[in-house]
Amino acid sequence: MRQRAVLIIALALALAEGCFGGAPSPQDPAAREQMIRDMKELERALGFRRSGNFLNSSEKIAAYYRCYYTGKLEVPASYDGLQLKQTNKPACEVDSEKYDVFFYPIEAVANGKSPVTTSLQNSTMERLLVVVPHEDFHEHKNAEKLPASVTEAASTLIGFLTAIEFAQEKFGMASAVYQNLSKEPELFLRKAEVVNRYYPEFQMLYASARAGQIEREEALAAKQNLFTRMEEECRAITPEPTSFNKCLAAANNAGLAFDYTYTKNYPLLYELFQAKGKQMRPTIEAIERVLAAQPTSEEAAIAGLREAIEEQRRPASGVN
């Protein structure tokens, strides 16, 4: 009886290790450095351009502080249209009475030599595993010619898929990290659908205000109502994502324009993912082929992605 109890306990511990163990903490420097080296090996196998990002850690850089802002009744199409002030202080000195402000302490930037900031060190394992390939994919040699609304959507999906593959290889499909990450692509799609549906409503509202069809105070009240409804919808998304915010980081025009940069074309990228049978490697290969054609505009990139989807769906030649 005692031997059976010991076996049961051992089995329980093994199951617990499979579900919750195996993944070191991002706060462990040696383990984090090894994981990043291993991640970069996977990236190279997937055709990523070699990058010097995250090869060292910085205890001096907590984050990169940026203040994005825009008018109370205007919403740009991406973060490229927002006004920006960079600062060395964890505060935003922009008049929030005059502007809609989004203060963003960025954990990482893609400049080819970004260190692991202290904020990234203190993030979740899921966040770390998504951020590294997301930022590294930004260094694709043809991506820099495209608008952020394309590159951010592509990098977001590829960040998720690479992180999922990595977690499966390193921690196993039973691990909590893998289980959490495997839900992220679809959860972000649900967020994207909410953001993309509301964005045109804000545009129409502000156009009406500029045309004098409604008074400023009425437009501001309608704006607040839209953000409240949008917040309610995104908060209803379940389960909770582990690597991104399911709602806007700032419930105002600056936060909306920033997130729309990532969500606008994400459904199209996800459609490609579905067309490829939700297989990571064929999806990334298809995206890289689109970029290899060197599209120089959002329209050209979208056309390339649609062609890749249609090509996948066409019957094989010679089949009756």
C-alpha atoms as a PDB file:
ATOM      1  CA  MET A   1       0.000   0.000   0.000  1.00  0.00           C
ATOM      2  CA  ARG A   2       2.832   2.323   0.934  1.00  0.00           C
ATOM      3  CA  GLN A   3       4.599   1.574  -2.381  1.00  0.00           C
ATOM      4  CA  ARG A   4       1.415   2.393  -4.292  1.00  0.00           C
ATOM      5  CA  ALA A   5       1.095   5.721  -2.446  1.00  0.00           C
ATOM      6  CA  VAL A   6       4.702   6.584  -3.318  1.00  0.00           C
ATOM      7  CA  LEU A   7       4.032   5.786  -6.971  1.00  0.00           C
ATOM      8  CA  ILE A   8       0.920   7.984  -6.961  1.00  0.00           C
ATOM      9  CA  ILE A   9       2.876  10.878  -5.437  1.00  0.00           C
ATOM     10  CA  ALA A  10       5.680  10.418  -7.982  1.00  0.00           C
ATOM     11  CA  LEU A  11       3.159  10.408 -10.816  1.00  0.00           C
ATOM     12  CA  ALA A  12       1.524  13.568  -9.466  1.00  0.00           C
ATOM     13  CA  LEU A  13       4.902  15.290  -9.250  1.00  0.00           C
ATOM     14  CA  ALA A  14       5.753  14.220 -12.783  1.00  0.00           C
ATOM     15  CA  LEU A  15       2.461  15.578 -14.068  1.00  0.00           C
ATOM     16  CA  ALA A  16       2.984  18.822 -12.177  1.00  0.00           C
ATOM     17  CA  GLU A  17       6.455  19.131 -13.685  1.00  0.00           C
ATOM     18  CA  GLY A  18       5.000  18.583 -17.147  1.00  0.00           C
ATOM     19  CA  CYS A  19       2.275  21.191 -16.646  1.00  0.00           C
ATOM     20  CA  PHE A  20       4.027  23.821 -14.609  1.00  0.00           C
ATOM     21  CA  GLY A  21       7.724  23.089 -14.556  1.00  0.00           C
ATOM     22  CA  GLY A  22      10.421  22.951 -17.136  1.00  0.00           C
ATOM     23  CA  ALA A  23      10.212  26.667 -17.910  1.00  0.00           C
ATOM     24  CA  PRO A  24      12.835  28.716 -16.062  1.00  0.00           C
ATOM     25  CA  SER A  25      12.033  32.152 -14.750  1.00  0.00           C
ATOM     26  CA  PRO A  26      12.797  35.165 -16.987  1.00  0.00           C
ATOM     27  CA  GLN A  27      14.330  36.705 -13.862  1.00  0.00           C
ATOM     28  CA  ASP A  28      17.092  34.050 -13.833  1.00  0.00           C
ATOM     29  CA  PRO A  29      19.885  35.707 -15.896  1.00  0.00           C
ATOM     30  CA  ALA A  30      21.692  32.524 -16.961  1.00  0.00           C
ATOM     31  CA  ALA A  31      18.491  30.707 -17.893  1.00  0.00           C
ATOM     32  CA  ARG A  32      17.166  33.769 -19.743  1.00  0.00           C
ATOM     33  CA  GLU A  33      20.372  34.181 -21.756  1.00  0.00           C
ATOM     34  CA  GLN A  34      20.321  30.511 -22.735  1.00  0.00           C
ATOM     35  CA  MET A  35      16.679  30.692 -23.784  1.00  0.00           C
ATOM     36  CA  ILE A  36      17.357  33.724 -25.955  1.00  0.00           C
ATOM     37  CA  ARG A  37      20.317  31.971 -27.606  1.00  0.00           C
ATOM     38  CA  ASP A  38      18.103  28.952 -28.259  1.00  0.00           C
ATOM     39  CA  MET A  39      15.336  31.189 -29.601  1.00  0.00           C
ATOM     40  CA  LYS A  40      17.753  32.797 -32.040  1.00  0.00           C
ATOM     41  CA  GLU A  41      18.797  29.369 -33.298  1.00  0.00           C
ATOM     42  CA  LEU A  42      15.144  28.640 -34.043  1.00  0.00           C
ATOM     43  CA  GLU A  43      14.798  32.034 -35.743  1.00  0.00           C
ATOM     44  CA  ARG A  44      17.734  31.305 -38.028  1.00  0.00           C
ATOM     45  CA  ALA A  45      16.217  27.918 -38.899  1.00  0.00           C
ATOM     46  CA  LEU A  46      13.059  29.801 -39.886  1.00  0.00           C
ATOM     47  CA  GLY A  47      14.986  32.192 -42.140  1.00  0.00           C
ATOM     48  CA  PHE A  48      15.143  35.234 -39.867  1.00  0.00           C
ATOM     49  CA  ARG A  49      17.862  37.737 -40.529  1.00  0.00           C
ATOM     50  CA  ARG A  50      20.643  37.561 -37.933  1.00  0.00           C
ATOM     51  CA  SER A  51      20.065  40.138 -35.205  1.00  0.00           C
ATOM     52  CA  GLY A  52      22.079  41.460 -32.283  1.00  0.00           C
ATOM     53  CA  ASN A  53      18.980  42.202 -30.221  1.00  0.00           C
ATOM     54  CA  PHE A  54      18.788  40.814 -26.661  1.00  0.00           C
ATOM     55  CA  LEU A  55      22.297  39.390 -26.576  1.00  0.00           C
ATOM     56  CA  ASN A  56      22.962  41.216 -23.327  1.00  0.00           C
ATOM     57  CA  SER A  57      20.964  42.610 -20.435  1.00  0.00           C
ATOM     58  CA  SER A  58      20.899  46.102 -19.010  1.00  0.00           C
ATOM     59  CA  GLU A  59      20.233  46.917 -15.384  1.00  0.00           C
ATOM     60  CA  LYS A  60      20.316  50.639 -16.243  1.00  0.00           C
ATOM     61  CA  ILE A  61      17.594  50.675 -18.902  1.00  0.00           C
ATOM     62  CA  ALA A  62      14.194  50.026 -17.374  1.00  0.00           C
ATOM     63  CA  ALA A  63      12.352  50.821 -20.616  1.00  0.00           C
ATOM     64  CA  TYR A  64      12.307  53.256 -23.528  1.00  0.00           C
ATOM     65  CA  TYR A  65       9.911  56.060 -22.632  1.00  0.00           C
ATOM     66  CA  ARG A  66       7.745  57.543 -25.358  1.00  0.00           C
ATOM     67  CA  CYS A  67       4.835  59.953 -25.267  1.00  0.00           C
ATOM     68  CA  TYR A  68       2.424  59.557 -28.164  1.00  0.00           C
ATOM     69  CA  TYR A  69      -0.298  62.163 -28.514  1.00  0.00           C
ATOM     70  CA  THR A  70      -2.915  63.494 -30.902  1.00  0.00           C
ATOM     71  CA  GLY A  71      -5.954  65.773 -30.964  1.00  0.00           C
ATOM     72  CA  LYS A  72      -9.110  65.129 -28.990  1.00  0.00           C
ATOM     73  CA  LEU A  73     -11.136  64.707 -32.171  1.00  0.00           C
ATOM     74  CA  GLU A  74      -8.698  63.041 -34.557  1.00  0.00           C
ATOM     75  CA  VAL A  75      -7.370  59.510 -34.915  1.00  0.00           C
ATOM     76  CA  PRO A  76      -4.433  58.715 -37.231  1.00  0.00           C
ATOM     77  CA  ALA A  77      -4.296  55.426 -39.152  1.00  0.00           C
ATOM     78  CA  SER A  78      -1.215  54.193 -37.262  1.00  0.00           C
ATOM     79  CA  TYR A  79       1.366  55.225 -34.703  1.00  0.00           C
ATOM     80  CA  ASP A  80       3.306  56.842 -37.561  1.00  0.00           C
ATOM     81  CA  GLY A  81       0.645  59.561 -37.619  1.00  0.00           C
ATOM     82  CA  LEU A  82       0.878  60.297 -33.909  1.00  0.00           C
ATOM     83  CA  GLN A  83       2.983  63.095 -32.502  1.00  0.00           C
ATOM     84  CA  LEU A  84       5.855  61.768 -30.415  1.00  0.00           C
ATOM     85  CA  LYS A  85       8.088  62.956 -27.629  1.00  0.00           C
ATOM     86  CA  GLN A  86      10.841  60.710 -26.337  1.00  0.00           C
ATOM     87  CA  THR A  87      11.943  61.175 -22.761  1.00  0.00           C
ATOM     88  CA  ASN A  88      14.380  59.719 -20.274  1.00  0.00           C
ATOM     89  CA  LYS A  89      11.844  60.025 -17.476  1.00  0.00           C
ATOM     90  CA  PRO A  90       9.005  57.612 -16.641  1.00  0.00           C
ATOM     91  CA  ALA A  91       6.458  60.362 -17.139  1.00  0.00           C
ATOM     92  CA  CYS A  92       4.773  62.202 -19.987  1.00  0.00           C
ATOM     93  CA  GLU A  93       4.952  66.005 -20.022  1.00  0.00           C
ATOM     94  CA  VAL A  94       2.236  66.526 -22.643  1.00  0.00           C
ATOM     95  CA  ASP A  95      -0.908  68.470 -21.759  1.00  0.00           C
ATOM     96  CA  SER A  96      -3.604  65.800 -21.444  1.00  0.00           C
ATOM     97  CA  GLU A  97      -6.281  68.505 -21.319  1.00  0.00           C
ATOM     98  CA  LYS A  98      -5.330  69.580 -24.823  1.00  0.00           C
ATOM     99  CA  TYR A  99      -4.335  66.210 -26.308  1.00  0.00           C
ATOM    100  CA  ASP A 100      -5.144  62.529 -26.045  1.00  0.00           C
ATOM    101  CA  VAL A 101      -1.935  61.056 -24.625  1.00  0.00           C
ATOM    102  CA  PHE A 102      -0.506  57.548 -24.558  1.00  0.00           C
ATOM    103  CA  PHE A 103       2.583  57.181 -22.385  1.00  0.00           C
ATOM    104  CA  TYR A 104       4.388  54.001 -23.396  1.00  0.00           C
ATOM    105  CA  PRO A 105       7.304  52.538 -21.426  1.00  0.00           C
ATOM    106  CA  ILE A 106       8.533  50.222 -24.205  1.00  0.00           C
ATOM    107  CA  GLU A 107      10.177  46.987 -23.092  1.00  0.00           C
ATOM    108  CA  ALA A 108      12.092  46.497 -26.343  1.00  0.00           C
ATOM    109  CA  VAL A 109      12.793  48.137 -29.687  1.00  0.00           C
ATOM    110  CA  ALA A 110      14.165  46.626 -32.875  1.00  0.00           C
ATOM    111  CA  ASN A 111      17.423  48.457 -33.525  1.00  0.00           C
ATOM    112  CA  GLY A 112      19.706  45.457 -34.003  1.00  0.00           C
ATOM    113  CA  LYS A 113      21.390  45.795 -30.617  1.00  0.00           C
ATOM    114  CA  SER A 114      18.588  46.182 -28.066  1.00  0.00           C
ATOM    115  CA  PRO A 115      19.467  44.815 -24.630  1.00  0.00           C
ATOM    116  CA  VAL A 116      17.029  42.982 -22.410  1.00  0.00           C
ATOM    117  CA  THR A 117      15.627  45.851 -20.348  1.00  0.00           C
ATOM    118  CA  THR A 118      14.712  45.409 -16.707  1.00  0.00           C
ATOM    119  CA  SER A 119      11.021  45.654 -17.590  1.00  0.00           C
ATOM    120  CA  LEU A 120      11.397  42.758 -20.040  1.00  0.00           C
ATOM    121  CA  GLN A 121      13.386  40.813 -17.456  1.00  0.00           C
ATOM    122  CA  ASN A 122      10.473  41.196 -15.054  1.00  0.00           C
ATOM    123  CA  SER A 123       7.809  40.217 -17.578  1.00  0.00           C
ATOM    124  CA  THR A 124       6.098  36.851 -17.885  1.00  0.00           C
ATOM    125  CA  MET A 125       7.792  33.987 -19.666  1.00  0.00           C
ATOM    126  CA  GLU A 126       5.132  34.178 -22.378  1.00  0.00           C
ATOM    127  CA  ARG A 127       5.789  37.872 -22.934  1.00  0.00           C
ATOM    128  CA  LEU A 128       9.546  37.350 -23.219  1.00  0.00           C
ATOM    129  CA  LEU A 129       9.170  34.508 -25.722  1.00  0.00           C
ATOM    130  CA  VAL A 130       6.839  36.576 -27.927  1.00  0.00           C
ATOM    131  CA  VAL A 131       8.792  39.849 -27.783  1.00  0.00           C
ATOM    132  CA  VAL A 132      12.146  38.402 -28.889  1.00  0.00           C
ATOM    133  CA  PRO A 133      11.012  36.986 -32.275  1.00  0.00           C
ATOM    134  CA  HIS A 134       8.594  39.884 -32.811  1.00  0.00           C
ATOM    135  CA  GLU A 135      11.383  42.421 -32.595  1.00  0.00           C
ATOM    136  CA  ASP A 136      13.895  40.271 -34.455  1.00  0.00           C
ATOM    137  CA  PHE A 137      11.521  39.767 -37.397  1.00  0.00           C
ATOM    138  CA  HIS A 138      11.324  43.550 -37.772  1.00  0.00           C
ATOM    139  CA  GLU A 139      14.863  43.350 -39.110  1.00  0.00           C
ATOM    140  CA  HIS A 140      13.774  41.479 -42.233  1.00  0.00           C
ATOM    141  CA  LYS A 141      15.599  43.222 -45.062  1.00  0.00           C
ATOM    142  CA  ASN A 142      12.400  44.034 -46.992  1.00  0.00           C
ATOM    143  CA  ALA A 143      10.163  44.826 -44.035  1.00  0.00           C
ATOM    144  CA  GLU A 144      11.621  48.291 -43.449  1.00  0.00           C
ATOM    145  CA  LYS A 145      10.169  49.553 -46.751  1.00  0.00           C
ATOM    146  CA  LEU A 146       6.598  48.791 -45.694  1.00  0.00           C
ATOM    147  CA  PRO A 147       4.283  50.815 -43.464  1.00  0.00           C
ATOM    148  CA  ALA A 148       4.007  49.816 -39.825  1.00  0.00           C
ATOM    149  CA  SER A 149       0.421  48.626 -40.353  1.00  0.00           C
ATOM    150  CA  VAL A 150       1.849  45.691 -42.339  1.00  0.00           C
ATOM    151  CA  THR A 151       5.081  44.972 -40.486  1.00  0.00           C
ATOM    152  CA  GLU A 152       3.524  45.125 -37.013  1.00  0.00           C
ATOM    153  CA  ALA A 153       0.715  42.724 -37.959  1.00  0.00           C
ATOM    154  CA  ALA A 154       3.201  40.301 -39.537  1.00  0.00           C
ATOM    155  CA  SER A 155       5.639  40.560 -36.630  1.00  0.00           C
ATOM    156  CA  THR A 156       2.817  40.040 -34.146  1.00  0.00           C
ATOM    157  CA  LEU A 157       1.630  36.796 -35.731  1.00  0.00           C
ATOM    158  CA  ILE A 158       5.172  35.554 -36.321  1.00  0.00           C
ATOM    159  CA  GLY A 159       6.093  36.414 -32.726  1.00  0.00           C
ATOM    160  CA  PHE A 160       3.222  34.266 -31.479  1.00  0.00           C
ATOM    161  CA  LEU A 161       3.933  31.340 -33.799  1.00  0.00           C
ATOM    162  CA  THR A 162       7.674  31.277 -33.115  1.00  0.00           C
ATOM    163  CA  ALA A 163       7.069  31.442 -29.357  1.00  0.00           C
ATOM    164  CA  ILE A 164       4.593  28.556 -29.579  1.00  0.00           C
ATOM    165  CA  GLU A 165       7.072  26.419 -31.536  1.00  0.00           C
ATOM    166  CA  PHE A 166       9.826  27.247 -29.067  1.00  0.00           C
ATOM    167  CA  ALA A 167       7.657  26.419 -26.032  1.00  0.00           C
ATOM    168  CA  GLN A 168       6.619  23.118 -27.557  1.00  0.00           C
ATOM    169  CA  GLU A 169      10.229  22.128 -28.239  1.00  0.00           C
ATOM    170  CA  LYS A 170      11.636  23.288 -24.910  1.00  0.00           C
ATOM    171  CA  PHE A 171       8.844  22.717 -22.382  1.00  0.00           C
ATOM    172  CA  GLY A 172       6.419  20.298 -24.028  1.00  0.00           C
ATOM    173  CA  MET A 173       2.791  20.573 -25.076  1.00  0.00           C
ATOM    174  CA  ALA A 174       1.608  19.827 -21.528  1.00  0.00           C
ATOM    175  CA  SER A 175       3.446  22.853 -20.111  1.00  0.00           C
ATOM    176  CA  ALA A 176       1.509  25.884 -18.925  1.00  0.00           C
ATOM    177  CA  VAL A 177       3.705  28.140 -21.080  1.00  0.00           C
ATOM    178  CA  TYR A 178       2.847  26.228 -24.253  1.00  0.00           C
ATOM    179  CA  GLN A 179      -0.842  26.005 -23.334  1.00  0.00           C
ATOM    180  CA  ASN A 180      -0.989  29.753 -22.717  1.00  0.00           C
ATOM    181  CA  LEU A 181       0.911  30.703 -25.868  1.00  0.00           C
ATOM    182  CA  SER A 182      -1.105  28.385 -28.113  1.00  0.00           C
ATOM    183  CA  LYS A 183      -4.201  30.530 -27.416  1.00  0.00           C
ATOM    184  CA  GLU A 184      -2.567  33.888 -28.180  1.00  0.00           C
ATOM    185  CA  PRO A 185      -2.988  34.055 -31.997  1.00  0.00           C
ATOM    186  CA  GLU A 186      -6.756  33.542 -31.803  1.00  0.00           C
ATOM    187  CA  LEU A 187      -7.150  35.817 -28.766  1.00  0.00           C
ATOM    188  CA  PHE A 188      -5.335  38.612 -30.582  1.00  0.00           C
ATOM    189  CA  LEU A 189      -7.617  38.046 -33.574  1.00  0.00           C
ATOM    190  CA  ARG A 190     -10.608  38.680 -31.314  1.00  0.00           C
ATOM    191  CA  LYS A 191      -9.017  41.872 -30.039  1.00  0.00           C
ATOM    192  CA  ALA A 192      -8.226  42.926 -33.622  1.00  0.00           C
ATOM    193  CA  GLU A 193     -11.825  42.372 -34.676  1.00  0.00           C
ATOM    194  CA  VAL A 194     -13.053  44.658 -31.882  1.00  0.00           C
ATOM    195  CA  VAL A 195     -10.512  47.417 -32.599  1.00  0.00           C
ATOM    196  CA  ASN A 196     -11.027  47.230 -36.363  1.00  0.00           C
ATOM    197  CA  ARG A 197     -14.807  47.413 -36.044  1.00  0.00           C
ATOM    198  CA  TYR A 198     -14.759  50.501 -33.818  1.00  0.00           C
ATOM    199  CA  TYR A 199     -11.994  52.416 -35.610  1.00  0.00           C
ATOM    200  CA  PRO A 200     -14.232  53.539 -38.565  1.00  0.00           C
ATOM    201  CA  GLU A 201     -16.898  54.704 -36.113  1.00  0.00           C
ATOM    202  CA  PHE A 202     -14.423  57.093 -34.516  1.00  0.00           C
ATOM    203  CA  GLN A 203     -13.344  58.304 -37.952  1.00  0.00           C
ATOM    204  CA  MET A 204     -16.931  59.042 -38.977  1.00  0.00           C
ATOM    205  CA  LEU A 205     -17.658  60.788 -35.684  1.00  0.00           C
ATOM    206  CA  TYR A 206     -14.642  63.086 -36.002  1.00  0.00           C
ATOM    207  CA  ALA A 207     -15.404  63.801 -39.658  1.00  0.00           C
ATOM    208  CA  SER A 208     -18.894  64.925 -38.623  1.00  0.00           C
ATOM    209  CA  ALA A 209     -17.391  67.219 -35.996  1.00  0.00           C
ATOM    210  CA  ARG A 210     -14.934  68.748 -38.468  1.00  0.00           C
ATOM    211  CA  ALA A 211     -17.745  69.319 -40.967  1.00  0.00           C
ATOM    212  CA  GLY A 212     -19.755  71.158 -38.303  1.00  0.00           C
ATOM    213  CA  GLN A 213     -22.555  68.605 -38.393  1.00  0.00           C
ATOM    214  CA  ILE A 214     -22.332  68.128 -34.619  1.00  0.00           C
ATOM    215  CA  GLU A 215     -21.037  70.364 -31.839  1.00  0.00           C
ATOM    216  CA  ARG A 216     -17.693  69.669 -30.188  1.00  0.00           C
ATOM    217  CA  GLU A 217     -19.220  68.783 -26.804  1.00  0.00           C
ATOM    218  CA  GLU A 218     -21.642  66.369 -28.438  1.00  0.00           C
ATOM    219  CA  ALA A 219     -18.783  64.745 -30.343  1.00  0.00           C
ATOM    220  CA  LEU A 220     -16.702  64.388 -27.161  1.00  0.00           C
ATOM    221  CA  ALA A 221     -19.621  62.741 -25.359  1.00  0.00           C
ATOM    222  CA  ALA A 222     -20.188  60.350 -28.265  1.00  0.00           C
ATOM    223  CA  LYS A 223     -16.448  59.606 -28.302  1.00  0.00           C
ATOM    224  CA  GLN A 224     -16.501  58.664 -24.626  1.00  0.00           C
ATOM    225  CA  ASN A 225     -19.486  56.409 -25.204  1.00  0.00           C
ATOM    226  CA  LEU A 226     -17.661  54.609 -28.035  1.00  0.00           C
ATOM    227  CA  PHE A 227     -14.584  54.019 -25.901  1.00  0.00           C
ATOM    228  CA  THR A 228     -16.738  52.725 -23.050  1.00  0.00           C
ATOM    229  CA  ARG A 229     -18.520  50.251 -25.335  1.00  0.00           C
ATOM    230  CA  MET A 230     -15.232  49.173 -26.877  1.00  0.00           C
ATOM    231  CA  GLU A 231     -13.715  48.604 -23.433  1.00  0.00           C
ATOM    232  CA  GLU A 232     -16.670  46.446 -22.402  1.00  0.00           C
ATOM    233  CA  GLU A 233     -16.263  44.253 -25.484  1.00  0.00           C
ATOM    234  CA  CYS A 234     -12.547  43.731 -25.153  1.00  0.00           C
ATOM    235  CA  ARG A 235     -12.831  42.982 -21.438  1.00  0.00           C
ATOM    236  CA  ALA A 236     -15.245  40.187 -22.305  1.00  0.00           C
ATOM    237  CA  ILE A 237     -12.492  38.351 -24.208  1.00  0.00           C
ATOM    238  CA  THR A 238     -11.582  35.146 -22.406  1.00  0.00           C
ATOM    239  CA  PRO A 239      -9.326  33.506 -21.411  1.00  0.00           C
ATOM    240  CA  GLU A 240      -6.901  36.223 -20.398  1.00  0.00           C
ATOM    241  CA  PRO A 241      -3.978  36.671 -22.825  1.00  0.00           C
ATOM    242  CA  THR A 242      -0.558  36.238 -21.239  1.00  0.00           C
ATOM    243  CA  SER A 243       1.639  38.205 -23.666  1.00  0.00           C
ATOM    244  CA  PHE A 244      -0.428  41.283 -24.650  1.00  0.00           C
ATOM    245  CA  ASN A 245      -3.140  43.627 -23.405  1.00  0.00           C
ATOM    246  CA  LYS A 246      -6.571  42.568 -24.580  1.00  0.00           C
ATOM    247  CA  CYS A 247      -7.802  46.181 -24.350  1.00  0.00           C
ATOM    248  CA  LEU A 248      -6.240  49.441 -25.483  1.00  0.00           C
ATOM    249  CA  ALA A 249      -3.267  50.483 -23.400  1.00  0.00           C
ATOM    250  CA  ALA A 250      -4.848  53.958 -23.343  1.00  0.00           C
ATOM    251  CA  ALA A 251      -8.586  54.367 -23.952  1.00  0.00           C
ATOM    252  CA  ASN A 252      -8.227  57.456 -26.111  1.00  0.00           C
ATOM    253  CA  ASN A 253      -7.326  58.424 -29.689  1.00  0.00           C
ATOM    254  CA  ALA A 254      -3.588  57.952 -29.164  1.00  0.00           C
ATOM    255  CA  GLY A 255      -4.072  54.472 -27.725  1.00  0.00           C
ATOM    256  CA  LEU A 256      -6.509  53.589 -30.515  1.00  0.00           C
ATOM    257  CA  ALA A 257      -4.174  54.712 -33.320  1.00  0.00           C
ATOM    258  CA  PHE A 258      -1.295  52.846 -31.691  1.00  0.00           C
ATOM    259  CA  ASP A 259      -3.159  49.546 -31.366  1.00  0.00           C
ATOM    260  CA  TYR A 260      -4.772  49.878 -34.799  1.00  0.00           C
ATOM    261  CA  THR A 261      -1.259  49.737 -36.244  1.00  0.00           C
ATOM    262  CA  TYR A 262      -1.055  46.147 -35.013  1.00  0.00           C
ATOM    263  CA  THR A 263      -4.663  45.065 -35.555  1.00  0.00           C
ATOM    264  CA  LYS A 264      -5.580  46.547 -38.956  1.00  0.00           C
ATOM    265  CA  ASN A 265      -4.047  43.804 -41.104  1.00  0.00           C
ATOM    266  CA  TYR A 266      -3.822  41.075 -38.485  1.00  0.00           C
ATOM    267  CA  PRO A 267      -7.071  39.336 -39.595  1.00  0.00           C
ATOM    268  CA  LEU A 268      -5.610  38.981 -43.099  1.00  0.00           C
ATOM    269  CA  LEU A 269      -2.413  37.455 -41.696  1.00  0.00           C
ATOM    270  CA  TYR A 270      -4.507  35.136 -39.536  1.00  0.00           C
ATOM    271  CA  GLU A 271      -6.521  34.141 -42.616  1.00  0.00           C
ATOM    272  CA  LEU A 272      -3.239  33.109 -44.246  1.00  0.00           C
ATOM    273  CA  PHE A 273      -2.393  31.118 -41.111  1.00  0.00           C
ATOM    274  CA  GLN A 274      -5.743  29.321 -41.415  1.00  0.00           C
ATOM    275  CA  ALA A 275      -5.223  28.701 -45.137  1.00  0.00           C
ATOM    276  CA  LYS A 276      -1.923  27.032 -44.262  1.00  0.00           C
ATOM    277  CA  GLY A 277      -3.725  24.660 -41.914  1.00  0.00           C
ATOM    278  CA  LYS A 278      -2.586  26.652 -38.868  1.00  0.00           C
ATOM    279  CA  GLN A 279       0.923  25.372 -39.469  1.00  0.00           C
ATOM    280  CA  MET A 280       3.662  27.688 -38.260  1.00  0.00           C
ATOM    281  CA  ARG A 281       6.467  27.017 -40.741  1.00  0.00           C
ATOM    282  CA  PRO A 282       4.382  27.184 -43.970  1.00  0.00           C
ATOM    283  CA  THR A 283       2.784  30.407 -42.688  1.00  0.00           C
ATOM    284  CA  ILE A 284       6.117  32.086 -41.976  1.00  0.00           C
ATOM    285  CA  GLU A 285       7.513  30.861 -45.305  1.00  0.00           C
ATOM    286  CA  ALA A 286       4.514  32.358 -47.138  1.00  0.00           C
ATOM    287  CA  ILE A 287       4.960  35.717 -45.384  1.00  0.00           C
ATOM    288  CA  GLU A 288       8.664  35.707 -46.215  1.00  0.00           C
ATOM    289  CA  ARG A 289       7.872  34.997 -49.894  1.00  0.00           C
ATOM    290  CA  VAL A 290       5.542  38.001 -49.948  1.00  0.00           C
ATOM    291  CA  LEU A 291       8.304  40.163 -48.482  1.00  0.00           C
ATOM    292  CA  ALA A 292      10.849  38.702 -50.912  1.00  0.00           C
ATOM    293  CA  ALA A 293       8.784  40.226 -53.738  1.00  0.00           C
ATOM    294  CA  GLN A 294       9.781  43.590 -52.202  1.00  0.00           C
ATOM    295  CA  PRO A 295       6.371  45.256 -51.959  1.00  0.00           C
ATOM    296  CA  THR A 296       6.784  48.969 -51.331  1.00  0.00           C
ATOM    297  CA  SER A 297       3.274  49.847 -50.224  1.00  0.00           C
ATOM    298  CA  GLU A 298       0.556  48.522 -47.948  1.00  0.00           C
ATOM    299  CA  GLU A 299      -1.638  47.808 -50.962  1.00  0.00           C
ATOM    300  CA  ALA A 300       1.075  45.737 -52.662  1.00  0.00           C
ATOM    301  CA  ALA A 301       1.743  43.734 -49.506  1.00  0.00           C
ATOM    302  CA  ILE A 302      -1.973  43.075 -48.990  1.00  0.00           C
ATOM    303  CA  ALA A 303      -2.286  41.945 -52.611  1.00  0.00           C
ATOM    304  CA  GLY A 304       0.627  39.562 -52.090  1.00  0.00           C
ATOM    305  CA  LEU A 305      -0.934  38.110 -48.947  1.00  0.00           C
ATOM    306  CA  ARG A 306      -4.300  37.652 -50.657  1.00  0.00           C
ATOM    307  CA  GLU A 307      -2.606  35.908 -53.567  1.00  0.00           C
ATOM    308  CA  ALA A 308      -0.838  33.562 -51.135  1.00  0.00           C
ATOM    309  CA  ILE A 309      -4.201  32.727 -49.551  1.00  0.00           C
ATOM    310  CA  GLU A 310      -5.906  32.136 -52.891  1.00  0.00           C
ATOM    311  CA  GLU A 311      -2.987  30.061 -54.129  1.00  0.00           C
ATOM    312  CA  GLN A 312      -3.330  27.797 -51.117  1.00  0.00           C
ATOM    313  CA  ARG A 313      -7.045  27.360 -51.739  1.00  0.00           C
ATOM    314  CA  ARG A 314      -6.802  26.582 -55.468  1.00  0.00           C
ATOM    315  CA  PRO A 315      -7.170  22.925 -56.459  1.00  0.00           C
ATOM    316  CA  ALA A 316      -3.890  21.292 -57.348  1.00  0.00           C
ATOM    317  CA  SER A 317      -3.215  21.342 -61.091  1.00  0.00           C
ATOM    318  CA  GLY A 318      -4.001  18.112 -62.934  1.00  0.00           C
ATOM    319  CA  VAL A 319      -6.612  17.037 -60.376  1.00  0.00           C
ATOM    320  CA  ASN A 320     -10.068  16.398 -61.862  1.00  0.00           C
END
